Amino acid sequence: MGDKHIVVREITLPPGQSTGWHYHDGNLFGYVKQGTLSHFDSSCKPDGVYRTGSTIVEPAGSNHVHIGRNLGTVPVVLDVLYILPVGSPLSEDAPNPGCDFQ
């Protein structure tokens, strides 16, 4: 649509796994279909715990580095809508900002 690329996908995050540190060039909107997603910002502090039925919004930009972690015992299943500038990847990898977890 114009200068935006819209992508919808389902992401499954097994127990004990993470998304890795990253950011998005556009906005992301998610719905937690199953499980609990623990979300951390670049200060290493939790900035949200999203349980089944919750929604999540991740703003665009390299100043919004974050990681999603599945600290539970069941897979986290997310339905995600990305609204990105045309040609942008779904996410941009970022180095661990100094947190003692991945």
PDB file of N, CA and C in Angstrom:
ATOM      1  N   MET A   1       0.849  -1.174   0.000  1.00  0.00           N
ATOM      2  CA  MET A   1       0.000   0.000   0.000  1.00  0.00           C
ATOM      3  C   MET A   1       0.890   1.232   0.000  1.00  0.00           C
ATOM      4  N   GLY A   2       0.974   1.876  -1.123  1.00  0.00           N
ATOM      5  CA  GLY A   2       1.807   3.080  -1.203  1.00  0.00           C
ATOM      6  C   GLY A   2       3.240   2.785  -0.847  1.00  0.00           C
ATOM      7  N   ASP A   3       3.750   3.486   0.155  1.00  0.00           N
ATOM      8  CA  ASP A   3       5.138   3.274   0.572  1.00  0.00           C
ATOM      9  C   ASP A   3       5.253   2.344   1.775  1.00  0.00           C
ATOM     10  N   LYS A   4       4.154   1.625   2.090  1.00  0.00           N
ATOM     11  CA  LYS A   4       4.145   0.689   3.213  1.00  0.00           C
ATOM     12  C   LYS A   4       3.979  -0.745   2.728  1.00  0.00           C
ATOM     13  N   HIS A   5       4.627  -1.640   3.412  1.00  0.00           N
ATOM     14  CA  HIS A   5       4.531  -3.075   3.153  1.00  0.00           C
ATOM     15  C   HIS A   5       3.822  -3.675   4.365  1.00  0.00           C
ATOM     16  N   ILE A   6       2.725  -4.366   4.145  1.00  0.00           N
ATOM     17  CA  ILE A   6       1.955  -4.952   5.238  1.00  0.00           C
ATOM     18  C   ILE A   6       2.116  -6.469   5.196  1.00  0.00           C
ATOM     19  N   VAL A   7       2.517  -7.036   6.321  1.00  0.00           N
ATOM     20  CA  VAL A   7       2.752  -8.475   6.424  1.00  0.00           C
ATOM     21  C   VAL A   7       2.024  -8.991   7.659  1.00  0.00           C
ATOM     22  N   VAL A   8       1.357 -10.135   7.503  1.00  0.00           N
ATOM     23  CA  VAL A   8       0.732 -10.815   8.633  1.00  0.00           C
ATOM     24  C   VAL A   8       1.368 -12.195   8.733  1.00  0.00           C
ATOM     25  N   ARG A   9       1.743 -12.587   9.938  1.00  0.00           N
ATOM     26  CA  ARG A   9       2.301 -13.936  10.108  1.00  0.00           C
ATOM     27  C   ARG A   9       2.082 -14.427  11.524  1.00  0.00           C
ATOM     28  N   GLU A  10       2.201 -15.736  11.669  1.00  0.00           N
ATOM     29  CA  GLU A  10       2.093 -16.365  12.979  1.00  0.00           C
ATOM     30  C   GLU A  10       3.490 -16.777  13.405  1.00  0.00           C
ATOM     31  N   ILE A  11       3.828 -16.469  14.645  1.00  0.00           N
ATOM     32  CA  ILE A  11       5.143 -16.788  15.205  1.00  0.00           C
ATOM     33  C   ILE A  11       4.935 -17.706  16.399  1.00  0.00           C
ATOM     34  N   THR A  12       5.713 -18.800  16.451  1.00  0.00           N
ATOM     35  CA  THR A  12       5.672 -19.701  17.599  1.00  0.00           C
ATOM     36  C   THR A  12       7.032 -19.663  18.275  1.00  0.00           C
ATOM     37  N   LEU A  13       7.021 -19.405  19.564  1.00  0.00           N
ATOM     38  CA  LEU A  13       8.225 -19.312  20.365  1.00  0.00           C
ATOM     39  C   LEU A  13       8.185 -20.423  21.410  1.00  0.00           C
ATOM     40  N   PRO A  14       9.005 -21.477  21.246  1.00  0.00           N
ATOM     41  CA  PRO A  14       8.989 -22.598  22.191  1.00  0.00           C
ATOM     42  C   PRO A  14       9.400 -22.163  23.602  1.00  0.00           C
ATOM     43  N   PRO A  15       9.028 -22.952  24.617  1.00  0.00           N
ATOM     44  CA  PRO A  15       9.442 -22.654  25.989  1.00  0.00           C
ATOM     45  C   PRO A  15      10.960 -22.490  26.085  1.00  0.00           C
ATOM     46  N   GLY A  16      11.376 -21.485  26.817  1.00  0.00           N
ATOM     47  CA  GLY A  16      12.802 -21.244  27.014  1.00  0.00           C
ATOM     48  C   GLY A  16      13.483 -20.489  25.892  1.00  0.00           C
ATOM     49  N   GLN A  17      12.791 -20.151  24.839  1.00  0.00           N
ATOM     50  CA  GLN A  17      13.391 -19.475  23.689  1.00  0.00           C
ATOM     51  C   GLN A  17      13.065 -17.987  23.705  1.00  0.00           C
ATOM     52  N   SER A  18      13.763 -17.239  22.842  1.00  0.00           N
ATOM     53  CA  SER A  18      13.526 -15.796  22.730  1.00  0.00           C
ATOM     54  C   SER A  18      13.524 -15.384  21.266  1.00  0.00           C
ATOM     55  N   THR A  19      13.109 -14.154  21.037  1.00  0.00           N
ATOM     56  CA  THR A  19      13.126 -13.592  19.681  1.00  0.00           C
ATOM     57  C   THR A  19      14.512 -13.099  19.313  1.00  0.00           C
ATOM     58  N   GLY A  20      15.390 -12.967  20.287  1.00  0.00           N
ATOM     59  CA  GLY A  20      16.667 -12.300  20.076  1.00  0.00           C
ATOM     60  C   GLY A  20      16.457 -10.791  20.140  1.00  0.00           C
ATOM     61  N   TRP A  21      17.523 -10.065  20.412  1.00  0.00           N
ATOM     62  CA  TRP A  21      17.438  -8.602  20.475  1.00  0.00           C
ATOM     63  C   TRP A  21      17.239  -8.050  19.078  1.00  0.00           C
ATOM     64  N   HIS A  22      16.281  -7.155  18.937  1.00  0.00           N
ATOM     65  CA  HIS A  22      15.962  -6.612  17.614  1.00  0.00           C
ATOM     66  C   HIS A  22      15.122  -5.343  17.739  1.00  0.00           C
ATOM     67  N   TYR A  23      14.874  -4.729  16.593  1.00  0.00           N
ATOM     68  CA  TYR A  23      13.932  -3.612  16.497  1.00  0.00           C
ATOM     69  C   TYR A  23      13.268  -3.699  15.126  1.00  0.00           C
ATOM     70  N   HIS A  24      12.284  -2.857  14.902  1.00  0.00           N
ATOM     71  CA  HIS A  24      11.539  -2.863  13.639  1.00  0.00           C
ATOM     72  C   HIS A  24      11.610  -1.477  13.001  1.00  0.00           C
ATOM     73  N   ASP A  25      11.669  -1.448  11.672  1.00  0.00           N
ATOM     74  CA  ASP A  25      11.681  -0.188  10.931  1.00  0.00           C
ATOM     75  C   ASP A  25      10.285   0.413  10.801  1.00  0.00           C
ATOM     76  N   GLY A  26       9.281  -0.358  11.161  1.00  0.00           N
ATOM     77  CA  GLY A  26       7.889   0.102  11.147  1.00  0.00           C
ATOM     78  C   GLY A  26       7.199  -0.409  12.396  1.00  0.00           C
ATOM     79  N   ASN A  27       5.929  -0.119  12.514  1.00  0.00           N
ATOM     80  CA  ASN A  27       5.175  -0.544  13.691  1.00  0.00           C
ATOM     81  C   ASN A  27       4.742  -2.006  13.591  1.00  0.00           C
ATOM     82  N   LEU A  28       4.667  -2.647  14.739  1.00  0.00           N
ATOM     83  CA  LEU A  28       4.233  -4.034  14.838  1.00  0.00           C
ATOM     84  C   LEU A  28       3.060  -4.092  15.815  1.00  0.00           C
ATOM     85  N   PHE A  29       2.051  -4.868  15.444  1.00  0.00           N
ATOM     86  CA  PHE A  29       0.884  -5.084  16.294  1.00  0.00           C
ATOM     87  C   PHE A  29       0.705  -6.587  16.440  1.00  0.00           C
ATOM     88  N   GLY A  30       0.601  -7.070  17.666  1.00  0.00           N
ATOM     89  CA  GLY A  30       0.509  -8.510  17.886  1.00  0.00           C
ATOM     90  C   GLY A  30      -0.640  -8.884  18.793  1.00  0.00           C
ATOM     91  N   TYR A  31      -1.031 -10.136  18.667  1.00  0.00           N
ATOM     92  CA  TYR A  31      -2.064 -10.738  19.504  1.00  0.00           C
ATOM     93  C   TYR A  31      -1.506 -12.052  20.035  1.00  0.00           C
ATOM     94  N   VAL A  32      -1.553 -12.250  21.348  1.00  0.00           N
ATOM     95  CA  VAL A  32      -1.052 -13.479  21.949  1.00  0.00           C
ATOM     96  C   VAL A  32      -2.168 -14.518  21.881  1.00  0.00           C
ATOM     97  N   LYS A  33      -1.969 -15.481  21.013  1.00  0.00           N
ATOM     98  CA  LYS A  33      -2.949 -16.542  20.790  1.00  0.00           C
ATOM     99  C   LYS A  33      -2.835 -17.637  21.845  1.00  0.00           C
ATOM    100  N   GLN A  34      -1.594 -17.830  22.353  1.00  0.00           N
ATOM    101  CA  GLN A  34      -1.339 -18.880  23.351  1.00  0.00           C
ATOM    102  C   GLN A  34      -0.091 -18.528  24.134  1.00  0.00           C
ATOM    103  N   GLY A  35      -0.084 -18.867  25.416  1.00  0.00           N
ATOM    104  CA  GLY A  35       1.113 -18.706  26.237  1.00  0.00           C
ATOM    105  C   GLY A  35       1.250 -17.319  26.829  1.00  0.00           C
ATOM    106  N   THR A  36       2.453 -17.056  27.343  1.00  0.00           N
ATOM    107  CA  THR A  36       2.774 -15.763  27.957  1.00  0.00           C
ATOM    108  C   THR A  36       4.106 -15.279  27.419  1.00  0.00           C
ATOM    109  N   LEU A  37       4.108 -14.083  26.841  1.00  0.00           N
ATOM    110  CA  LEU A  37       5.319 -13.463  26.312  1.00  0.00           C
ATOM    111  C   LEU A  37       5.826 -12.444  27.315  1.00  0.00           C
ATOM    112  N   SER A  38       7.080 -12.599  27.735  1.00  0.00           N
ATOM    113  CA  SER A  38       7.734 -11.610  28.599  1.00  0.00           C
ATOM    114  C   SER A  38       8.574 -10.718  27.695  1.00  0.00           C
ATOM    115  N   HIS A  39       8.373  -9.415  27.795  1.00  0.00           N
ATOM    116  CA  HIS A  39       8.967  -8.442  26.884  1.00  0.00           C
ATOM    117  C   HIS A  39       9.919  -7.547  27.674  1.00  0.00           C
ATOM    118  N   PHE A  40      11.131  -7.331  27.157  1.00  0.00           N
ATOM    119  CA  PHE A  40      12.146  -6.545  27.837  1.00  0.00           C
ATOM    120  C   PHE A  40      12.681  -5.479  26.895  1.00  0.00           C
ATOM    121  N   ASP A  41      12.961  -4.285  27.449  1.00  0.00           N
ATOM    122  CA  ASP A  41      13.539  -3.219  26.642  1.00  0.00           C
ATOM    123  C   ASP A  41      15.055  -3.196  26.816  1.00  0.00           C
ATOM    124  N   SER A  42      15.713  -2.242  26.184  1.00  0.00           N
ATOM    125  CA  SER A  42      17.172  -2.215  26.185  1.00  0.00           C
ATOM    126  C   SER A  42      17.781  -1.831  27.535  1.00  0.00           C
ATOM    127  N   SER A  43      16.950  -1.479  28.520  1.00  0.00           N
ATOM    128  CA  SER A  43      17.475  -1.231  29.867  1.00  0.00           C
ATOM    129  C   SER A  43      17.531  -2.538  30.669  1.00  0.00           C
ATOM    130  N   CYS A  44      17.153  -3.653  30.019  1.00  0.00           N
ATOM    131  CA  CYS A  44      17.133  -4.990  30.617  1.00  0.00           C
ATOM    132  C   CYS A  44      15.969  -5.177  31.584  1.00  0.00           C
ATOM    133  N   LYS A  45      15.082  -4.236  31.619  1.00  0.00           N
ATOM    134  CA  LYS A  45      13.925  -4.313  32.517  1.00  0.00           C
ATOM    135  C   LYS A  45      12.696  -4.778  31.736  1.00  0.00           C
ATOM    136  N   PRO A  46      11.816  -5.537  32.392  1.00  0.00           N
ATOM    137  CA  PRO A  46      10.582  -5.947  31.704  1.00  0.00           C
ATOM    138  C   PRO A  46       9.719  -4.728  31.415  1.00  0.00           C
ATOM    139  N   ASP A  47       9.187  -4.651  30.208  1.00  0.00           N
ATOM    140  CA  ASP A  47       8.277  -3.560  29.872  1.00  0.00           C
ATOM    141  C   ASP A  47       6.891  -4.094  29.509  1.00  0.00           C
ATOM    142  N   GLY A  48       6.663  -5.375  29.810  1.00  0.00           N
ATOM    143  CA  GLY A  48       5.346  -5.945  29.606  1.00  0.00           C
ATOM    144  C   GLY A  48       5.351  -7.448  29.728  1.00  0.00           C
ATOM    145  N   VAL A  49       4.257  -7.982  30.243  1.00  0.00           N
ATOM    146  CA  VAL A  49       4.011  -9.424  30.269  1.00  0.00           C
ATOM    147  C   VAL A  49       2.664  -9.606  29.589  1.00  0.00           C
ATOM    148  N   TYR A  50       2.667 -10.334  28.487  1.00  0.00           N
ATOM    149  CA  TYR A  50       1.487 -10.461  27.625  1.00  0.00           C
ATOM    150  C   TYR A  50       0.996 -11.900  27.649  1.00  0.00           C
ATOM    151  N   ARG A  51      -0.179 -12.089  28.227  1.00  0.00           N
ATOM    152  CA  ARG A  51      -0.766 -13.425  28.354  1.00  0.00           C
ATOM    153  C   ARG A  51      -1.751 -13.677  27.219  1.00  0.00           C
ATOM    154  N   THR A  52      -2.198 -14.917  27.093  1.00  0.00           N
ATOM    155  CA  THR A  52      -3.179 -15.292  26.081  1.00  0.00           C
ATOM    156  C   THR A  52      -4.315 -14.275  26.063  1.00  0.00           C
ATOM    157  N   GLY A  53      -4.633 -13.791  24.864  1.00  0.00           N
ATOM    158  CA  GLY A  53      -5.699 -12.811  24.693  1.00  0.00           C
ATOM    159  C   GLY A  53      -5.233 -11.371  24.734  1.00  0.00           C
ATOM    160  N   SER A  54      -3.971 -11.145  25.085  1.00  0.00           N
ATOM    161  CA  SER A  54      -3.427  -9.784  25.155  1.00  0.00           C
ATOM    162  C   SER A  54      -2.993  -9.294  23.781  1.00  0.00           C
ATOM    163  N   THR A  55      -2.931  -7.980  23.655  1.00  0.00           N
ATOM    164  CA  THR A  55      -2.356  -7.374  22.454  1.00  0.00           C
ATOM    165  C   THR A  55      -1.064  -6.670  22.834  1.00  0.00           C
ATOM    166  N   ILE A  56      -0.198  -6.510  21.839  1.00  0.00           N
ATOM    167  CA  ILE A  56       1.089  -5.855  22.048  1.00  0.00           C
ATOM    168  C   ILE A  56       1.345  -4.931  20.866  1.00  0.00           C
ATOM    169  N   VAL A  57       1.929  -3.776  21.148  1.00  0.00           N
ATOM    170  CA  VAL A  57       2.327  -2.831  20.116  1.00  0.00           C
ATOM    171  C   VAL A  57       3.805  -2.548  20.310  1.00  0.00           C
ATOM    172  N   GLU A  58       4.577  -2.679  19.230  1.00  0.00           N
ATOM    173  CA  GLU A  58       5.994  -2.347  19.275  1.00  0.00           C
ATOM    174  C   GLU A  58       6.230  -1.192  18.315  1.00  0.00           C
ATOM    175  N   PRO A  59       6.705  -0.050  18.829  1.00  0.00           N
ATOM    176  CA  PRO A  59       6.948   1.101  17.966  1.00  0.00           C
ATOM    177  C   PRO A  59       8.186   0.909  17.104  1.00  0.00           C
ATOM    178  N   ALA A  60       8.245   1.691  16.053  1.00  0.00           N
ATOM    179  CA  ALA A  60       9.348   1.626  15.098  1.00  0.00           C
ATOM    180  C   ALA A  60      10.587   2.338  15.618  1.00  0.00           C
ATOM    181  N   GLY A  61      11.737   1.878  15.132  1.00  0.00           N
ATOM    182  CA  GLY A  61      12.967   2.608  15.339  1.00  0.00           C
ATOM    183  C   GLY A  61      14.029   1.892  16.139  1.00  0.00           C
ATOM    184  N   SER A  62      15.275   2.237  15.828  1.00  0.00           N
ATOM    185  CA  SER A  62      16.418   1.618  16.504  1.00  0.00           C
ATOM    186  C   SER A  62      16.529   2.059  17.959  1.00  0.00           C
ATOM    187  N   ASN A  63      15.756   3.045  18.358  1.00  0.00           N
ATOM    188  CA  ASN A  63      15.724   3.452  19.752  1.00  0.00           C
ATOM    189  C   ASN A  63      14.710   2.630  20.554  1.00  0.00           C
ATOM    190  N   HIS A  64      14.129   1.609  19.915  1.00  0.00           N
ATOM    191  CA  HIS A  64      13.175   0.714  20.579  1.00  0.00           C
ATOM    192  C   HIS A  64      13.647  -0.740  20.505  1.00  0.00           C
ATOM    193  N   VAL A  65      14.912  -0.969  20.835  1.00  0.00           N
ATOM    194  CA  VAL A  65      15.468  -2.327  20.858  1.00  0.00           C
ATOM    195  C   VAL A  65      14.785  -3.103  21.982  1.00  0.00           C
ATOM    196  N   HIS A  66      14.443  -4.360  21.690  1.00  0.00           N
ATOM    197  CA  HIS A  66      13.714  -5.175  22.667  1.00  0.00           C
ATOM    198  C   HIS A  66      13.929  -6.656  22.377  1.00  0.00           C
ATOM    199  N   ILE A  67      13.446  -7.474  23.314  1.00  0.00           N
ATOM    200  CA  ILE A  67      13.486  -8.925  23.172  1.00  0.00           C
ATOM    201  C   ILE A  67      12.199  -9.487  23.776  1.00  0.00           C
ATOM    202  N   GLY A  68      11.662 -10.502  23.139  1.00  0.00           N
ATOM    203  CA  GLY A  68      10.527 -11.239  23.683  1.00  0.00           C
ATOM    204  C   GLY A  68      11.026 -12.596  24.138  1.00  0.00           C
ATOM    205  N   ARG A  69      10.620 -13.012  25.336  1.00  0.00           N
ATOM    206  CA  ARG A  69      11.092 -14.289  25.874  1.00  0.00           C
ATOM    207  C   ARG A  69       9.910 -15.136  26.320  1.00  0.00           C
ATOM    208  N   ASN A  70      10.028 -16.429  26.088  1.00  0.00           N
ATOM    209  CA  ASN A  70       9.035 -17.373  26.592  1.00  0.00           C
ATOM    210  C   ASN A  70       9.625 -18.016  27.839  1.00  0.00           C
ATOM    211  N   LEU A  71       9.210 -17.527  28.984  1.00  0.00           N
ATOM    212  CA  LEU A  71       9.694 -18.054  30.268  1.00  0.00           C
ATOM    213  C   LEU A  71       8.762 -19.125  30.815  1.00  0.00           C
ATOM    214  N   GLY A  72       7.717 -19.457  30.049  1.00  0.00           N
ATOM    215  CA  GLY A  72       6.721 -20.429  30.486  1.00  0.00           C
ATOM    216  C   GLY A  72       7.029 -21.846  30.041  1.00  0.00           C
ATOM    217  N   THR A  73       6.021 -22.715  30.171  1.00  0.00           N
ATOM    218  CA  THR A  73       6.182 -24.138  29.865  1.00  0.00           C
ATOM    219  C   THR A  73       5.423 -24.570  28.615  1.00  0.00           C
ATOM    220  N   VAL A  74       4.689 -23.644  27.989  1.00  0.00           N
ATOM    221  CA  VAL A  74       3.981 -23.946  26.741  1.00  0.00           C
ATOM    222  C   VAL A  74       4.461 -22.978  25.672  1.00  0.00           C
ATOM    223  N   PRO A  75       4.356 -23.359  24.395  1.00  0.00           N
ATOM    224  CA  PRO A  75       4.759 -22.438  23.338  1.00  0.00           C
ATOM    225  C   PRO A  75       3.943 -21.143  23.374  1.00  0.00           C
ATOM    226  N   VAL A  76       4.605 -20.041  23.061  1.00  0.00           N
ATOM    227  CA  VAL A  76       3.915 -18.770  22.842  1.00  0.00           C
ATOM    228  C   VAL A  76       3.590 -18.711  21.355  1.00  0.00           C
ATOM    229  N   VAL A  77       2.334 -18.451  21.038  1.00  0.00           N
ATOM    230  CA  VAL A  77       1.907 -18.304  19.644  1.00  0.00           C
ATOM    231  C   VAL A  77       1.380 -16.886  19.486  1.00  0.00           C
ATOM    232  N   LEU A  78       1.977 -16.155  18.551  1.00  0.00           N
ATOM    233  CA  LEU A  78       1.618 -14.761  18.295  1.00  0.00           C
ATOM    234  C   LEU A  78       1.099 -14.611  16.871  1.00  0.00           C
ATOM    235  N   ASP A  79       0.022 -13.875  16.698  1.00  0.00           N
ATOM    236  CA  ASP A  79      -0.406 -13.415  15.381  1.00  0.00           C
ATOM    237  C   ASP A  79       0.067 -11.974  15.283  1.00  0.00           C
ATOM    238  N   VAL A  80       0.863 -11.675  14.249  1.00  0.00           N
ATOM    239  CA  VAL A  80       1.546 -10.387  14.174  1.00  0.00           C
ATOM    240  C   VAL A  80       1.248  -9.686  12.852  1.00  0.00           C
ATOM    241  N   LEU A  81       1.006  -8.381  12.939  1.00  0.00           N
ATOM    242  CA  LEU A  81       0.819  -7.509  11.786  1.00  0.00           C
ATOM    243  C   LEU A  81       1.974  -6.518  11.773  1.00  0.00           C
ATOM    244  N   TYR A  82       2.728  -6.497  10.678  1.00  0.00           N
ATOM    245  CA  TYR A  82       3.828  -5.563  10.496  1.00  0.00           C
ATOM    246  C   TYR A  82       3.386  -4.502   9.489  1.00  0.00           C
ATOM    247  N   ILE A  83       3.676  -3.238   9.793  1.00  0.00           N
ATOM    248  CA  ILE A  83       3.473  -2.156   8.831  1.00  0.00           C
ATOM    249  C   ILE A  83       4.834  -1.492   8.681  1.00  0.00           C
ATOM    250  N   LEU A  84       5.488  -1.801   7.564  1.00  0.00           N
ATOM    251  CA  LEU A  84       6.887  -1.450   7.368  1.00  0.00           C
ATOM    252  C   LEU A  84       7.081  -0.600   6.127  1.00  0.00           C
ATOM    253  N   PRO A  85       8.143   0.200   6.089  1.00  0.00           N
ATOM    254  CA  PRO A  85       8.494   0.854   4.835  1.00  0.00           C
ATOM    255  C   PRO A  85       8.814  -0.219   3.784  1.00  0.00           C
ATOM    256  N   VAL A  86       8.421   0.013   2.546  1.00  0.00           N
ATOM    257  CA  VAL A  86       8.691  -0.941   1.471  1.00  0.00           C
ATOM    258  C   VAL A  86      10.187  -1.249   1.436  1.00  0.00           C
ATOM    259  N   GLY A  87      10.511  -2.535   1.350  1.00  0.00           N
ATOM    260  CA  GLY A  87      11.898  -2.976   1.270  1.00  0.00           C
ATOM    261  C   GLY A  87      12.555  -3.252   2.610  1.00  0.00           C
ATOM    262  N   SER A  88      11.870  -2.945   3.705  1.00  0.00           N
ATOM    263  CA  SER A  88      12.446  -3.190   5.031  1.00  0.00           C
ATOM    264  C   SER A  88      12.282  -4.651   5.425  1.00  0.00           C
ATOM    265  N   PRO A  89      13.240  -5.192   6.184  1.00  0.00           N
ATOM    266  CA  PRO A  89      13.067  -6.541   6.722  1.00  0.00           C
ATOM    267  C   PRO A  89      12.018  -6.527   7.834  1.00  0.00           C
ATOM    268  N   LEU A  90      11.533  -7.696   8.212  1.00  0.00           N
ATOM    269  CA  LEU A  90      10.554  -7.782   9.299  1.00  0.00           C
ATOM    270  C   LEU A  90      11.141  -7.271  10.614  1.00  0.00           C
ATOM    271  N   SER A  91      12.432  -7.511  10.814  1.00  0.00           N
ATOM    272  CA  SER A  91      13.110  -6.991  12.004  1.00  0.00           C
ATOM    273  C   SER A  91      14.580  -6.790  11.672  1.00  0.00           C
ATOM    274  N   GLU A  92      15.216  -5.975  12.491  1.00  0.00           N
ATOM    275  CA  GLU A  92      16.656  -5.706  12.374  1.00  0.00           C
ATOM    276  C   GLU A  92      17.312  -6.250  13.632  1.00  0.00           C
ATOM    277  N   ASP A  93      18.327  -7.120  13.472  1.00  0.00           N
ATOM    278  CA  ASP A  93      19.049  -7.640  14.629  1.00  0.00           C
ATOM    279  C   ASP A  93      19.748  -6.503  15.355  1.00  0.00           C
ATOM    280  N   ALA A  94      19.842  -6.642  16.668  1.00  0.00           N
ATOM    281  CA  ALA A  94      20.540  -5.663  17.499  1.00  0.00           C
ATOM    282  C   ALA A  94      21.395  -6.424  18.503  1.00  0.00           C
ATOM    283  N   PRO A  95      22.539  -5.844  18.887  1.00  0.00           N
ATOM    284  CA  PRO A  95      23.356  -6.526  19.887  1.00  0.00           C
ATOM    285  C   PRO A  95      22.682  -6.500  21.251  1.00  0.00           C
ATOM    286  N   ASN A  96      23.021  -7.483  22.068  1.00  0.00           N
ATOM    287  CA  ASN A  96      22.555  -7.498  23.455  1.00  0.00           C
ATOM    288  C   ASN A  96      23.068  -6.201  24.097  1.00  0.00           C
ATOM    289  N   PRO A  97      22.175  -5.413  24.686  1.00  0.00           N
ATOM    290  CA  PRO A  97      22.594  -4.141  25.268  1.00  0.00           C
ATOM    291  C   PRO A  97      23.331  -4.267  26.606  1.00  0.00           C
ATOM    292  N   GLY A  98      23.679  -5.487  26.999  1.00  0.00           N
ATOM    293  CA  GLY A  98      24.407  -5.694  28.242  1.00  0.00           C
ATOM    294  C   GLY A  98      23.618  -6.451  29.287  1.00  0.00           C
ATOM    295  N   CYS A  99      22.502  -7.040  28.872  1.00  0.00           N
ATOM    296  CA  CYS A  99      21.678  -7.818  29.797  1.00  0.00           C
ATOM    297  C   CYS A  99      22.312  -9.192  30.028  1.00  0.00           C
ATOM    298  N   ASP A 100      22.007  -9.824  31.149  1.00  0.00           N
ATOM    299  CA  ASP A 100      22.599 -11.119  31.442  1.00  0.00           C
ATOM    300  C   ASP A 100      21.741 -12.264  30.923  1.00  0.00           C
ATOM    301  N   PHE A 101      20.934 -12.004  29.905  1.00  0.00           N
ATOM    302  CA  PHE A 101      20.108 -13.033  29.268  1.00  0.00           C
ATOM    303  C   PHE A 101      20.016 -12.751  27.787  1.00  0.00           C
ATOM    304  N   GLN A 102      19.592 -13.772  27.044  1.00  0.00           N
ATOM    305  CA  GLN A 102      19.381 -13.658  25.593  1.00  0.00           C
ATOM    306  C   GLN A 102      17.946 -13.957  25.280  1.00  0.00           C
TER     307      GLN A 102
END
